[in-house]
Amino acid sequence: MKKLLVLILAVLVAICATGCSAQTETLHCDNCGTEVKVEEKNGMDEEWIILCEDCEKESGLDNFFEE
């Protein structure tokens, strides 16, 4: 019984540790300089153009991926 409890506790700790590892990073809009919060930076390249919501709407890119 103790082994089962230890196993369950270990799994819960592992789940909590992976859930807490998502970091928020503050970047700046390439157009106006407004701060933009990004949840995960996985797969982001330095060549990416970062736009705030207002600049996305102005450029018409806010619906680009929704189609």
C-alpha atoms as a PDB file:
ATOM      1  CA  MET A   1       0.000   0.000   0.000  1.00  0.00           C
ATOM      2  CA  LYS A   2       2.840   2.388   0.833  1.00  0.00           C
ATOM      3  CA  LYS A   3       4.457   1.745  -2.555  1.00  0.00           C
ATOM      4  CA  LEU A   4       1.206   2.678  -4.303  1.00  0.00           C
ATOM      5  CA  LEU A   5       0.909   5.922  -2.329  1.00  0.00           C
ATOM      6  CA  VAL A   6       4.527   6.806  -3.073  1.00  0.00           C
ATOM      7  CA  LEU A   7       3.945   6.113  -6.760  1.00  0.00           C
ATOM      8  CA  ILE A   8       0.807   8.272  -6.844  1.00  0.00           C
ATOM      9  CA  LEU A   9       2.623  11.059  -5.005  1.00  0.00           C
ATOM     10  CA  ALA A  10       5.533  10.876  -7.461  1.00  0.00           C
ATOM     11  CA  VAL A  11       3.163  11.093 -10.433  1.00  0.00           C
ATOM     12  CA  LEU A  12       1.370  14.100  -8.927  1.00  0.00           C
ATOM     13  CA  VAL A  13       4.665  15.882  -8.279  1.00  0.00           C
ATOM     14  CA  ALA A  14       5.762  15.199 -11.867  1.00  0.00           C
ATOM     15  CA  ILE A  15       2.472  16.568 -13.241  1.00  0.00           C
ATOM     16  CA  CYS A  16       2.748  19.703 -11.103  1.00  0.00           C
ATOM     17  CA  ALA A  17       6.365  20.249 -12.131  1.00  0.00           C
ATOM     18  CA  THR A  18       5.569  20.048 -15.845  1.00  0.00           C
ATOM     19  CA  GLY A  19       2.530  22.306 -15.479  1.00  0.00           C
ATOM     20  CA  CYS A  20       4.550  24.959 -13.703  1.00  0.00           C
ATOM     21  CA  SER A  21       7.340  24.979 -16.275  1.00  0.00           C
ATOM     22  CA  ALA A  22       5.371  27.042 -18.810  1.00  0.00           C
ATOM     23  CA  GLN A  23       6.898  30.473 -18.578  1.00  0.00           C
ATOM     24  CA  THR A  24       5.521  33.779 -19.715  1.00  0.00           C
ATOM     25  CA  GLU A  25       7.970  35.951 -21.570  1.00  0.00           C
ATOM     26  CA  THR A  26       7.537  39.635 -22.353  1.00  0.00           C
ATOM     27  CA  LEU A  27       8.403  40.616 -25.910  1.00  0.00           C
ATOM     28  CA  HIS A  28       7.793  43.887 -27.727  1.00  0.00           C
ATOM     29  CA  CYS A  29       5.656  44.579 -30.772  1.00  0.00           C
ATOM     30  CA  ASP A  30       7.912  45.114 -33.779  1.00  0.00           C
ATOM     31  CA  ASN A  31       5.596  47.823 -35.071  1.00  0.00           C
ATOM     32  CA  CYS A  32       4.783  50.051 -32.073  1.00  0.00           C
ATOM     33  CA  GLY A  33       6.892  48.691 -29.183  1.00  0.00           C
ATOM     34  CA  THR A  34       3.959  47.672 -26.959  1.00  0.00           C
ATOM     35  CA  GLU A  35       4.705  44.830 -24.534  1.00  0.00           C
ATOM     36  CA  VAL A  36       3.346  41.465 -25.689  1.00  0.00           C
ATOM     37  CA  LYS A  37       3.067  38.506 -23.273  1.00  0.00           C
ATOM     38  CA  VAL A  38       3.986  35.157 -24.826  1.00  0.00           C
ATOM     39  CA  GLU A  39       3.146  31.931 -22.953  1.00  0.00           C
ATOM     40  CA  GLU A  40       5.670  29.628 -24.584  1.00  0.00           C
ATOM     41  CA  LYS A  41       8.530  30.438 -26.904  1.00  0.00           C
ATOM     42  CA  ASN A  42       8.804  26.900 -28.342  1.00  0.00           C
ATOM     43  CA  GLY A  43       9.436  26.980 -32.050  1.00  0.00           C
ATOM     44  CA  MET A  44       9.785  30.765 -32.184  1.00  0.00           C
ATOM     45  CA  ASP A  45      12.604  32.053 -34.302  1.00  0.00           C
ATOM     46  CA  GLU A  46      14.291  35.445 -34.026  1.00  0.00           C
ATOM     47  CA  GLU A  47      13.055  36.165 -37.551  1.00  0.00           C
ATOM     48  CA  TRP A  48       9.416  36.085 -36.407  1.00  0.00           C
ATOM     49  CA  ILE A  49       7.536  39.368 -36.492  1.00  0.00           C
ATOM     50  CA  ILE A  50       5.836  40.038 -33.167  1.00  0.00           C
ATOM     51  CA  LEU A  51       2.712  42.212 -33.340  1.00  0.00           C
ATOM     52  CA  CYS A  52       0.384  43.357 -30.572  1.00  0.00           C
ATOM     53  CA  GLU A  53      -3.365  42.848 -30.995  1.00  0.00           C
ATOM     54  CA  ASP A  54      -3.953  46.394 -32.283  1.00  0.00           C
ATOM     55  CA  CYS A  55      -1.222  46.128 -34.927  1.00  0.00           C
ATOM     56  CA  GLU A  56      -2.533  42.686 -35.983  1.00  0.00           C
ATOM     57  CA  LYS A  57      -5.983  44.168 -36.527  1.00  0.00           C
ATOM     58  CA  GLU A  58      -4.570  47.120 -38.510  1.00  0.00           C
ATOM     59  CA  SER A  59      -2.594  44.789 -40.758  1.00  0.00           C
ATOM     60  CA  GLY A  60      -5.514  42.387 -41.267  1.00  0.00           C
ATOM     61  CA  LEU A  61      -3.519  39.447 -39.865  1.00  0.00           C
ATOM     62  CA  ASP A  62      -5.841  38.913 -36.883  1.00  0.00           C
ATOM     63  CA  ASN A  63      -8.016  36.475 -38.903  1.00  0.00           C
ATOM     64  CA  PHE A  64      -5.193  34.977 -40.971  1.00  0.00           C
ATOM     65  CA  PHE A  65      -5.047  31.589 -39.224  1.00  0.00           C
ATOM     66  CA  GLU A  66      -8.749  31.272 -38.398  1.00  0.00           C
ATOM     67  CA  GLU A  67      -9.864  30.384 -41.939  1.00  0.00           C
END
